[in-house]
Full PDB file with SEQRES, HELIX, SHEET, SSBOND, CRYST1, ORIGX, SCALE, CONECT and MASTER records, all heavy atoms in Angstrom:
SEQRES   1 A   35  GLN LEU LEU ARG GLN GLU ALA GLN ARG SER THR GLN ARG          
SEQRES   2 A   35  GLY ARG LYS ILE HIS ASP ILE MET LEU GLN GLY LEU LEU          
SEQRES   3 A   35  VAL PRO MET VAL GLY ARG ALA PRO ASP                          
HELIX    1 AA1 LEU A    2  ALA A    7  1                                   6    
HELIX    2 AA2 GLN A   12  LEU A   22  1                                  11    
CRYST1    1.000    1.000    1.000  90.00  90.00  90.00 P 1           1          
ORIGX1      1.000000  0.000000  0.000000        0.00000                         
ORIGX2      0.000000  1.000000  0.000000        0.00000                         
ORIGX3      0.000000  0.000000  1.000000        0.00000                         
SCALE1      1.000000  0.000000  0.000000        0.00000                         
SCALE2      0.000000  1.000000  0.000000        0.00000                         
SCALE3      0.000000  0.000000  1.000000        0.00000                         
ATOM      1  N   GLN A   1       0.836  -1.202   0.000  1.00  0.00           N  
ATOM      2  CA  GLN A   1       0.000   0.000   0.000  1.00  0.00           C  
ATOM      3  C   GLN A   1       0.875   1.258   0.000  1.00  0.00           C  
ATOM      4  O   GLN A   1       0.610   2.212  -0.725  1.00  0.00           O  
ATOM      5  CB  GLN A   1      -0.938   0.006   1.202  1.00  0.00           C  
ATOM      6  CG  GLN A   1      -1.848   1.215   1.242  1.00  0.00           C  
ATOM      7  CD  GLN A   1      -2.770   1.209   2.461  1.00  0.00           C  
ATOM      8  OE1 GLN A   1      -2.752   0.298   3.268  1.00  0.00           O  
ATOM      9  NE2 GLN A   1      -3.566   2.238   2.571  1.00  0.00           N  
ATOM     10  N   LEU A   2       1.915   1.253   0.819  1.00  0.00           N  
ATOM     11  CA  LEU A   2       2.824   2.407   0.855  1.00  0.00           C  
ATOM     12  C   LEU A   2       3.503   2.619  -0.497  1.00  0.00           C  
ATOM     13  O   LEU A   2       3.637   3.753  -0.956  1.00  0.00           O  
ATOM     14  CB  LEU A   2       3.878   2.217   1.952  1.00  0.00           C  
ATOM     15  CG  LEU A   2       3.378   2.219   3.387  1.00  0.00           C  
ATOM     16  CD1 LEU A   2       4.521   1.898   4.341  1.00  0.00           C  
ATOM     17  CD2 LEU A   2       2.740   3.554   3.743  1.00  0.00           C  
ATOM     18  N   LEU A   3       3.916   1.508  -1.131  1.00  0.00           N  
ATOM     19  CA  LEU A   3       4.567   1.629  -2.435  1.00  0.00           C  
ATOM     20  C   LEU A   3       3.597   2.137  -3.497  1.00  0.00           C  
ATOM     21  O   LEU A   3       3.954   2.975  -4.326  1.00  0.00           O  
ATOM     22  CB  LEU A   3       5.158   0.278  -2.860  1.00  0.00           C  
ATOM     23  CG  LEU A   3       6.394  -0.166  -2.093  1.00  0.00           C  
ATOM     24  CD1 LEU A   3       6.752  -1.606  -2.428  1.00  0.00           C  
ATOM     25  CD2 LEU A   3       7.568   0.761  -2.363  1.00  0.00           C  
ATOM     26  N   ARG A   4       2.338   1.648  -3.479  1.00  0.00           N  
ATOM     27  CA  ARG A   4       1.347   2.130  -4.444  1.00  0.00           C  
ATOM     28  C   ARG A   4       1.057   3.615  -4.250  1.00  0.00           C  
ATOM     29  O   ARG A   4       0.896   4.359  -5.218  1.00  0.00           O  
ATOM     30  CB  ARG A   4       0.069   1.290  -4.369  1.00  0.00           C  
ATOM     31  CG  ARG A   4       0.201  -0.057  -5.078  1.00  0.00           C  
ATOM     32  CD  ARG A   4      -1.108  -0.811  -5.105  1.00  0.00           C  
ATOM     33  NE  ARG A   4      -1.529  -1.238  -3.783  1.00  0.00           N  
ATOM     34  CZ  ARG A   4      -1.053  -2.292  -3.133  1.00  0.00           C  
ATOM     35  NH1 ARG A   4      -0.128  -3.045  -3.696  1.00  0.00           N  
ATOM     36  NH2 ARG A   4      -1.496  -2.615  -1.942  1.00  0.00           N  
ATOM     37  N   GLN A   5       1.007   4.067  -2.988  1.00  0.00           N  
ATOM     38  CA  GLN A   5       0.799   5.492  -2.729  1.00  0.00           C  
ATOM     39  C   GLN A   5       1.951   6.323  -3.273  1.00  0.00           C  
ATOM     40  O   GLN A   5       1.751   7.361  -3.897  1.00  0.00           O  
ATOM     41  CB  GLN A   5       0.624   5.744  -1.227  1.00  0.00           C  
ATOM     42  CG  GLN A   5      -0.692   5.275  -0.683  1.00  0.00           C  
ATOM     43  CD  GLN A   5      -0.763   5.392   0.845  1.00  0.00           C  
ATOM     44  OE1 GLN A   5       0.215   5.675   1.520  1.00  0.00           O  
ATOM     45  NE2 GLN A   5      -1.949   5.140   1.385  1.00  0.00           N  
ATOM     46  N   GLU A   6       3.166   5.851  -3.039  1.00  0.00           N  
ATOM     47  CA  GLU A   6       4.347   6.567  -3.540  1.00  0.00           C  
ATOM     48  C   GLU A   6       4.369   6.556  -5.068  1.00  0.00           C  
ATOM     49  O   GLU A   6       4.727   7.550  -5.695  1.00  0.00           O  
ATOM     50  CB  GLU A   6       5.626   5.939  -2.982  1.00  0.00           C  
ATOM     51  CG  GLU A   6       6.893   6.679  -3.341  1.00  0.00           C  
ATOM     52  CD  GLU A   6       6.972   8.083  -2.738  1.00  0.00           C  
ATOM     53  OE1 GLU A   6       6.392   8.329  -1.664  1.00  0.00           O  
ATOM     54  OE2 GLU A   6       7.622   8.941  -3.354  1.00  0.00           O  
ATOM     55  N   ALA A   7       3.940   5.434  -5.679  1.00  0.00           N  
ATOM     56  CA  ALA A   7       3.933   5.317  -7.137  1.00  0.00           C  
ATOM     57  C   ALA A   7       2.967   6.298  -7.787  1.00  0.00           C  
ATOM     58  O   ALA A   7       3.132   6.663  -8.951  1.00  0.00           O  
ATOM     59  CB  ALA A   7       3.590   3.883  -7.547  1.00  0.00           C  
ATOM     60  N   GLN A   8       1.952   6.750  -7.061  1.00  0.00           N  
ATOM     61  CA  GLN A   8       0.986   7.696  -7.599  1.00  0.00           C  
ATOM     62  C   GLN A   8       1.488   9.143  -7.546  1.00  0.00           C  
ATOM     63  O   GLN A   8       0.907  10.016  -8.183  1.00  0.00           O  
ATOM     64  CB  GLN A   8      -0.338   7.589  -6.846  1.00  0.00           C  
ATOM     65  CG  GLN A   8      -1.058   6.287  -7.126  1.00  0.00           C  
ATOM     66  CD  GLN A   8      -2.330   6.145  -6.320  1.00  0.00           C  
ATOM     67  OE1 GLN A   8      -2.621   6.946  -5.437  1.00  0.00           O  
ATOM     68  NE2 GLN A   8      -3.089   5.111  -6.611  1.00  0.00           N  
ATOM     69  N   ARG A   9       2.546   9.373  -6.781  1.00  0.00           N  
ATOM     70  CA  ARG A   9       3.097  10.730  -6.681  1.00  0.00           C  
ATOM     71  C   ARG A   9       3.890  11.036  -7.941  1.00  0.00           C  
ATOM     72  O   ARG A   9       4.480  10.162  -8.550  1.00  0.00           O  
ATOM     73  CB  ARG A   9       3.975  10.841  -5.448  1.00  0.00           C  
ATOM     74  CG  ARG A   9       3.176  10.577  -4.167  1.00  0.00           C  
ATOM     75  CD  ARG A   9       4.013  10.655  -2.944  1.00  0.00           C  
ATOM     76  NE  ARG A   9       4.450  12.038  -2.752  1.00  0.00           N  
ATOM     77  CZ  ARG A   9       5.473  12.385  -1.996  1.00  0.00           C  
ATOM     78  NH1 ARG A   9       6.161  11.472  -1.348  1.00  0.00           N  
ATOM     79  NH2 ARG A   9       5.806  13.650  -1.856  1.00  0.00           N  
ATOM     80  N   SER A  10       3.913  12.273  -8.338  1.00  0.00           N  
ATOM     81  CA  SER A  10       4.637  12.644  -9.559  1.00  0.00           C  
ATOM     82  C   SER A  10       6.068  13.080  -9.232  1.00  0.00           C  
ATOM     83  O   SER A  10       6.545  14.105  -9.696  1.00  0.00           O  
ATOM     84  CB  SER A  10       3.882  13.743 -10.310  1.00  0.00           C  
ATOM     85  OG  SER A  10       3.665  14.850  -9.471  1.00  0.00           O  
ATOM     86  N   THR A  11       6.731  12.257  -8.431  1.00  0.00           N  
ATOM     87  CA  THR A  11       8.131  12.495  -8.111  1.00  0.00           C  
ATOM     88  C   THR A  11       8.971  11.501  -8.917  1.00  0.00           C  
ATOM     89  O   THR A  11       8.452  10.523  -9.468  1.00  0.00           O  
ATOM     90  CB  THR A  11       8.404  12.266  -6.613  1.00  0.00           C  
ATOM     91  OG1 THR A  11       8.130  10.893  -6.301  1.00  0.00           O  
ATOM     92  CG2 THR A  11       7.544  13.177  -5.742  1.00  0.00           C  
ATOM     93  N   GLN A  12      10.266  11.732  -8.970  1.00  0.00           N  
ATOM     94  CA  GLN A  12      11.148  10.809  -9.683  1.00  0.00           C  
ATOM     95  C   GLN A  12      11.065   9.420  -9.044  1.00  0.00           C  
ATOM     96  O   GLN A  12      10.961   8.416  -9.746  1.00  0.00           O  
ATOM     97  CB  GLN A  12      12.581  11.332  -9.657  1.00  0.00           C  
ATOM     98  CG  GLN A  12      13.543  10.446 -10.417  1.00  0.00           C  
ATOM     99  CD  GLN A  12      14.962  10.998 -10.428  1.00  0.00           C  
ATOM    100  OE1 GLN A  12      15.234  12.066  -9.917  1.00  0.00           O  
ATOM    101  NE2 GLN A  12      15.870  10.251 -11.021  1.00  0.00           N  
ATOM    102  N   ARG A  13      11.086   9.368  -7.708  1.00  0.00           N  
ATOM    103  CA  ARG A  13      11.000   8.080  -7.013  1.00  0.00           C  
ATOM    104  C   ARG A  13       9.646   7.416  -7.281  1.00  0.00           C  
ATOM    105  O   ARG A  13       9.574   6.218  -7.520  1.00  0.00           O  
ATOM    106  CB  ARG A  13      11.217   8.270  -5.512  1.00  0.00           C  
ATOM    107  CG  ARG A  13      11.170   6.964  -4.743  1.00  0.00           C  
ATOM    108  CD  ARG A  13      11.572   7.111  -3.312  1.00  0.00           C  
ATOM    109  NE  ARG A  13      10.746   8.115  -2.645  1.00  0.00           N  
ATOM    110  CZ  ARG A  13      10.856   8.443  -1.384  1.00  0.00           C  
ATOM    111  NH1 ARG A  13      11.779   7.881  -0.638  1.00  0.00           N  
ATOM    112  NH2 ARG A  13      10.080   9.350  -0.835  1.00  0.00           N  
ATOM    113  N   GLY A  14       8.562   8.207  -7.255  1.00  0.00           N  
ATOM    114  CA  GLY A  14       7.233   7.667  -7.508  1.00  0.00           C  
ATOM    115  C   GLY A  14       7.113   7.070  -8.894  1.00  0.00           C  
ATOM    116  O   GLY A  14       6.559   5.979  -9.073  1.00  0.00           O  
ATOM    117  N   ARG A  15       7.634   7.768  -9.897  1.00  0.00           N  
ATOM    118  CA  ARG A  15       7.588   7.254 -11.275  1.00  0.00           C  
ATOM    119  C   ARG A  15       8.425   5.990 -11.416  1.00  0.00           C  
ATOM    120  O   ARG A  15       8.021   5.050 -12.104  1.00  0.00           O  
ATOM    121  CB  ARG A  15       8.060   8.332 -12.252  1.00  0.00           C  
ATOM    122  CG  ARG A  15       7.033   9.463 -12.438  1.00  0.00           C  
ATOM    123  CD  ARG A  15       7.438  10.420 -13.560  1.00  0.00           C  
ATOM    124  NE  ARG A  15       8.691  11.112 -13.294  1.00  0.00           N  
ATOM    125  CZ  ARG A  15       8.804  12.240 -12.600  1.00  0.00           C  
ATOM    126  NH1 ARG A  15       7.738  12.807 -12.090  1.00  0.00           N  
ATOM    127  NH2 ARG A  15       9.976  12.805 -12.414  1.00  0.00           N  
ATOM    128  N   LYS A  16       9.569   5.951 -10.743  1.00  0.00           N  
ATOM    129  CA  LYS A  16      10.430   4.765 -10.813  1.00  0.00           C  
ATOM    130  C   LYS A  16       9.725   3.558 -10.187  1.00  0.00           C  
ATOM    131  O   LYS A  16       9.712   2.469 -10.756  1.00  0.00           O  
ATOM    132  CB  LYS A  16      11.763   5.038 -10.095  1.00  0.00           C  
ATOM    133  CG  LYS A  16      12.737   3.900 -10.188  1.00  0.00           C  
ATOM    134  CD  LYS A  16      14.075   4.263  -9.566  1.00  0.00           C  
ATOM    135  CE  LYS A  16      15.042   3.110  -9.686  1.00  0.00           C  
ATOM    136  NZ  LYS A  16      16.354   3.426  -9.140  1.00  0.00           N  
ATOM    137  N   ILE A  17       9.121   3.764  -9.018  1.00  0.00           N  
ATOM    138  CA  ILE A  17       8.379   2.684  -8.357  1.00  0.00           C  
ATOM    139  C   ILE A  17       7.218   2.236  -9.236  1.00  0.00           C  
ATOM    140  O   ILE A  17       6.980   1.028  -9.412  1.00  0.00           O  
ATOM    141  CB  ILE A  17       7.884   3.135  -6.962  1.00  0.00           C  
ATOM    142  CG1 ILE A  17       9.081   3.275  -6.011  1.00  0.00           C  
ATOM    143  CG2 ILE A  17       6.852   2.171  -6.394  1.00  0.00           C  
ATOM    144  CD1 ILE A  17       8.747   3.927  -4.686  1.00  0.00           C  
ATOM    145  N   HIS A  18       6.491   3.182  -9.822  1.00  0.00           N  
ATOM    146  CA  HIS A  18       5.364   2.875 -10.710  1.00  0.00           C  
ATOM    147  C   HIS A  18       5.824   1.983 -11.865  1.00  0.00           C  
ATOM    148  O   HIS A  18       5.189   0.962 -12.169  1.00  0.00           O  
ATOM    149  CB  HIS A  18       4.750   4.178 -11.230  1.00  0.00           C  
ATOM    150  CG  HIS A  18       3.650   3.983 -12.214  1.00  0.00           C  
ATOM    151  ND1 HIS A  18       2.376   3.623 -11.832  1.00  0.00           N  
ATOM    152  CD2 HIS A  18       3.633   4.082 -13.561  1.00  0.00           C  
ATOM    153  CE1 HIS A  18       1.623   3.522 -12.904  1.00  0.00           C  
ATOM    154  NE2 HIS A  18       2.362   3.794 -13.961  1.00  0.00           N  
ATOM    155  N   ASP A  19       6.917   2.356 -12.516  1.00  0.00           N  
ATOM    156  CA  ASP A  19       7.430   1.589 -13.647  1.00  0.00           C  
ATOM    157  C   ASP A  19       7.844   0.177 -13.231  1.00  0.00           C  
ATOM    158  O   ASP A  19       7.544  -0.791 -13.928  1.00  0.00           O  
ATOM    159  CB  ASP A  19       8.619   2.307 -14.292  1.00  0.00           C  
ATOM    160  CG  ASP A  19       8.218   3.596 -14.998  1.00  0.00           C  
ATOM    161  OD1 ASP A  19       7.003   3.790 -15.248  1.00  0.00           O  
ATOM    162  OD2 ASP A  19       9.113   4.422 -15.269  1.00  0.00           O  
ATOM    163  N   ILE A  20       8.517   0.065 -12.096  1.00  0.00           N  
ATOM    164  CA  ILE A  20       8.949  -1.246 -11.599  1.00  0.00           C  
ATOM    165  C   ILE A  20       7.734  -2.122 -11.317  1.00  0.00           C  
ATOM    166  O   ILE A  20       7.686  -3.299 -11.704  1.00  0.00           O  
ATOM    167  CB  ILE A  20       9.823  -1.087 -10.337  1.00  0.00           C  
ATOM    168  CG1 ILE A  20      11.172  -0.465 -10.696  1.00  0.00           C  
ATOM    169  CG2 ILE A  20      10.023  -2.436  -9.639  1.00  0.00           C  
ATOM    170  CD1 ILE A  20      11.993  -0.043  -9.490  1.00  0.00           C  
ATOM    171  N   MET A  21       6.724  -1.564 -10.658  1.00  0.00           N  
ATOM    172  CA  MET A  21       5.541  -2.339 -10.297  1.00  0.00           C  
ATOM    173  C   MET A  21       4.756  -2.779 -11.526  1.00  0.00           C  
ATOM    174  O   MET A  21       4.255  -3.909 -11.570  1.00  0.00           O  
ATOM    175  CB  MET A  21       4.654  -1.533  -9.348  1.00  0.00           C  
ATOM    176  CG  MET A  21       5.286  -1.348  -7.978  1.00  0.00           C  
ATOM    177  SD  MET A  21       4.358  -0.258  -6.902  1.00  0.00           S  
ATOM    178  CE  MET A  21       3.017  -1.334  -6.421  1.00  0.00           C  
ATOM    179  N   LEU A  22       4.635  -1.932 -12.541  1.00  0.00           N  
ATOM    180  CA  LEU A  22       3.902  -2.312 -13.751  1.00  0.00           C  
ATOM    181  C   LEU A  22       4.598  -3.433 -14.513  1.00  0.00           C  
ATOM    182  O   LEU A  22       3.954  -4.202 -15.216  1.00  0.00           O  
ATOM    183  CB  LEU A  22       3.701  -1.105 -14.666  1.00  0.00           C  
ATOM    184  CG  LEU A  22       2.593  -0.146 -14.264  1.00  0.00           C  
ATOM    185  CD1 LEU A  22       2.477   1.000 -15.269  1.00  0.00           C  
ATOM    186  CD2 LEU A  22       1.264  -0.860 -14.130  1.00  0.00           C  
ATOM    187  N   GLN A  23       5.916  -3.532 -14.356  1.00  0.00           N  
ATOM    188  CA  GLN A  23       6.667  -4.614 -14.994  1.00  0.00           C  
ATOM    189  C   GLN A  23       6.556  -5.917 -14.207  1.00  0.00           C  
ATOM    190  O   GLN A  23       7.026  -6.953 -14.656  1.00  0.00           O  
ATOM    191  CB  GLN A  23       8.140  -4.231 -15.113  1.00  0.00           C  
ATOM    192  CG  GLN A  23       8.401  -3.085 -16.063  1.00  0.00           C  
ATOM    193  CD  GLN A  23       9.856  -2.699 -16.044  1.00  0.00           C  
ATOM    194  OE1 GLN A  23      10.733  -3.538 -16.248  1.00  0.00           O  
ATOM    195  NE2 GLN A  23      10.138  -1.437 -15.772  1.00  0.00           N  
ATOM    196  N   GLY A  24       5.954  -5.835 -13.004  1.00  0.00           N  
ATOM    197  CA  GLY A  24       5.823  -7.031 -12.180  1.00  0.00           C  
ATOM    198  C   GLY A  24       7.091  -7.395 -11.443  1.00  0.00           C  
ATOM    199  O   GLY A  24       7.255  -8.526 -11.011  1.00  0.00           O  
ATOM    200  N   LEU A  25       7.982  -6.438 -11.288  1.00  0.00           N  
ATOM    201  CA  LEU A  25       9.244  -6.697 -10.593  1.00  0.00           C  
ATOM    202  C   LEU A  25       9.136  -6.271  -9.136  1.00  0.00           C  
ATOM    203  O   LEU A  25       8.213  -5.559  -8.747  1.00  0.00           O  
ATOM    204  CB  LEU A  25      10.382  -5.933 -11.285  1.00  0.00           C  
ATOM    205  CG  LEU A  25      10.580  -6.261 -12.765  1.00  0.00           C  
ATOM    206  CD1 LEU A  25      11.631  -5.353 -13.384  1.00  0.00           C  
ATOM    207  CD2 LEU A  25      10.938  -7.731 -12.958  1.00  0.00           C  
ATOM    208  N   LEU A  26      10.089  -6.722  -8.327  1.00  0.00           N  
ATOM    209  CA  LEU A  26      10.113  -6.349  -6.916  1.00  0.00           C  
ATOM    210  C   LEU A  26      10.805  -5.002  -6.750  1.00  0.00           C  
ATOM    211  O   LEU A  26      11.856  -4.762  -7.338  1.00  0.00           O  
ATOM    212  CB  LEU A  26      10.860  -7.406  -6.093  1.00  0.00           C  
ATOM    213  CG  LEU A  26      10.234  -8.797  -6.064  1.00  0.00           C  
ATOM    214  CD1 LEU A  26      11.137  -9.752  -5.282  1.00  0.00           C  
ATOM    215  CD2 LEU A  26       8.858  -8.756  -5.457  1.00  0.00           C  
ATOM    216  N   VAL A  27      10.209  -4.147  -5.939  1.00  0.00           N  
ATOM    217  CA  VAL A  27      10.809  -2.840  -5.659  1.00  0.00           C  
ATOM    218  C   VAL A  27      11.888  -3.045  -4.601  1.00  0.00           C  
ATOM    219  O   VAL A  27      11.614  -3.608  -3.542  1.00  0.00           O  
ATOM    220  CB  VAL A  27       9.742  -1.843  -5.155  1.00  0.00           C  
ATOM    221  CG1 VAL A  27      10.374  -0.503  -4.817  1.00  0.00           C  
ATOM    222  CG2 VAL A  27       8.641  -1.671  -6.194  1.00  0.00           C  
ATOM    223  N   PRO A  28      13.140  -2.638  -4.876  1.00  0.00           N  
ATOM    224  CA  PRO A  28      14.216  -2.816  -3.887  1.00  0.00           C  
ATOM    225  C   PRO A  28      13.905  -2.053  -2.599  1.00  0.00           C  
ATOM    226  O   PRO A  28      13.463  -0.917  -2.635  1.00  0.00           O  
ATOM    227  CB  PRO A  28      15.447  -2.229  -4.567  1.00  0.00           C  
ATOM    228  CG  PRO A  28      15.091  -2.045  -5.996  1.00  0.00           C  
ATOM    229  CD  PRO A  28      13.597  -1.969  -6.079  1.00  0.00           C  
ATOM    230  N   MET A  29      14.130  -2.697  -1.475  1.00  0.00           N  
ATOM    231  CA  MET A  29      13.855  -2.089  -0.174  1.00  0.00           C  
ATOM    232  C   MET A  29      15.054  -2.281   0.740  1.00  0.00           C  
ATOM    233  O   MET A  29      15.803  -3.241   0.607  1.00  0.00           O  
ATOM    234  CB  MET A  29      12.631  -2.734   0.489  1.00  0.00           C  
ATOM    235  CG  MET A  29      11.340  -2.596  -0.302  1.00  0.00           C  
ATOM    236  SD  MET A  29      10.855  -0.918  -0.634  1.00  0.00           S  
ATOM    237  CE  MET A  29      10.675  -0.269   0.985  1.00  0.00           C  
ATOM    238  N   VAL A  30      15.204  -1.373   1.680  1.00  0.00           N  
ATOM    239  CA  VAL A  30      16.249  -1.471   2.701  1.00  0.00           C  
ATOM    240  C   VAL A  30      15.571  -1.330   4.054  1.00  0.00           C  
ATOM    241  O   VAL A  30      14.696  -0.503   4.242  1.00  0.00           O  
ATOM    242  CB  VAL A  30      17.300  -0.354   2.522  1.00  0.00           C  
ATOM    243  CG1 VAL A  30      18.337  -0.413   3.617  1.00  0.00           C  
ATOM    244  CG2 VAL A  30      17.936  -0.432   1.153  1.00  0.00           C  
ATOM    245  N   GLY A  31      15.953  -2.160   4.999  1.00  0.00           N  
ATOM    246  CA  GLY A  31      15.358  -2.091   6.325  1.00  0.00           C  
ATOM    247  C   GLY A  31      16.152  -2.908   7.317  1.00  0.00           C  
ATOM    248  O   GLY A  31      17.195  -3.459   6.990  1.00  0.00           O  
ATOM    249  N   ARG A  32      15.638  -3.013   8.535  1.00  0.00           N  
ATOM    250  CA  ARG A  32      16.356  -3.792   9.549  1.00  0.00           C  
ATOM    251  C   ARG A  32      15.981  -5.262   9.430  1.00  0.00           C  
ATOM    252  O   ARG A  32      14.953  -5.605   8.864  1.00  0.00           O  
ATOM    253  CB  ARG A  32      16.051  -3.250  10.938  1.00  0.00           C  
ATOM    254  CG  ARG A  32      14.675  -3.544  11.468  1.00  0.00           C  
ATOM    255  CD  ARG A  32      14.589  -3.092  12.940  1.00  0.00           C  
ATOM    256  NE  ARG A  32      13.420  -3.617  13.568  1.00  0.00           N  
ATOM    257  CZ  ARG A  32      13.329  -4.819  14.137  1.00  0.00           C  
ATOM    258  NH1 ARG A  32      14.355  -5.621  14.145  1.00  0.00           N  
ATOM    259  NH2 ARG A  32      12.206  -5.220  14.700  1.00  0.00           N  
ATOM    260  N   ALA A  33      16.805  -6.119   9.991  1.00  0.00           N  
ATOM    261  CA  ALA A  33      16.566  -7.560   9.946  1.00  0.00           C  
ATOM    262  C   ALA A  33      15.345  -7.922  10.792  1.00  0.00           C  
ATOM    263  O   ALA A  33      15.140  -7.349  11.862  1.00  0.00           O  
ATOM    264  CB  ALA A  33      17.798  -8.301  10.464  1.00  0.00           C  
ATOM    265  N   PRO A  34      14.528  -8.855  10.312  1.00  0.00           N  
ATOM    266  CA  PRO A  34      13.315  -9.226  11.057  1.00  0.00           C  
ATOM    267  C   PRO A  34      13.615 -10.152  12.238  1.00  0.00           C  
ATOM    268  O   PRO A  34      14.632 -10.838  12.265  1.00  0.00           O  
ATOM    269  CB  PRO A  34      12.485  -9.965  10.006  1.00  0.00           C  
ATOM    270  CG  PRO A  34      13.501 -10.547   9.080  1.00  0.00           C  
ATOM    271  CD  PRO A  34      14.633  -9.550   9.043  1.00  0.00           C  
ATOM    272  N   ASP A  35      12.693 -10.149  13.202  1.00  0.00           N  
ATOM    273  CA  ASP A  35      12.766 -11.083  14.325  1.00  0.00           C  
ATOM    274  C   ASP A  35      12.101 -12.401  13.971  1.00  0.00           C  
ATOM    275  O   ASP A  35      12.417 -13.446  14.544  1.00  0.00           O  
ATOM    276  CB  ASP A  35      12.067 -10.487  15.558  1.00  0.00           C  
ATOM    277  CG  ASP A  35      12.745  -9.221  16.035  1.00  0.00           C  
ATOM    278  OD1 ASP A  35      13.993  -9.158  15.969  1.00  0.00           O  
ATOM    279  OD2 ASP A  35      12.039  -8.290  16.457  1.00  0.00           O  
TER     280      ASP A  35                                                      
MASTER        0    0    0    2    0    0    0    6  279    1    0    3          
END                                                                             
């Protein structure tokens, strides 16, 4: 949901996420290790 919201924004990052998602690819993410 967060990625779809960002993809709707007309920012460079939003357009990049939108393009990646329409291709059916995974959007690269960075975060902490899960428990």
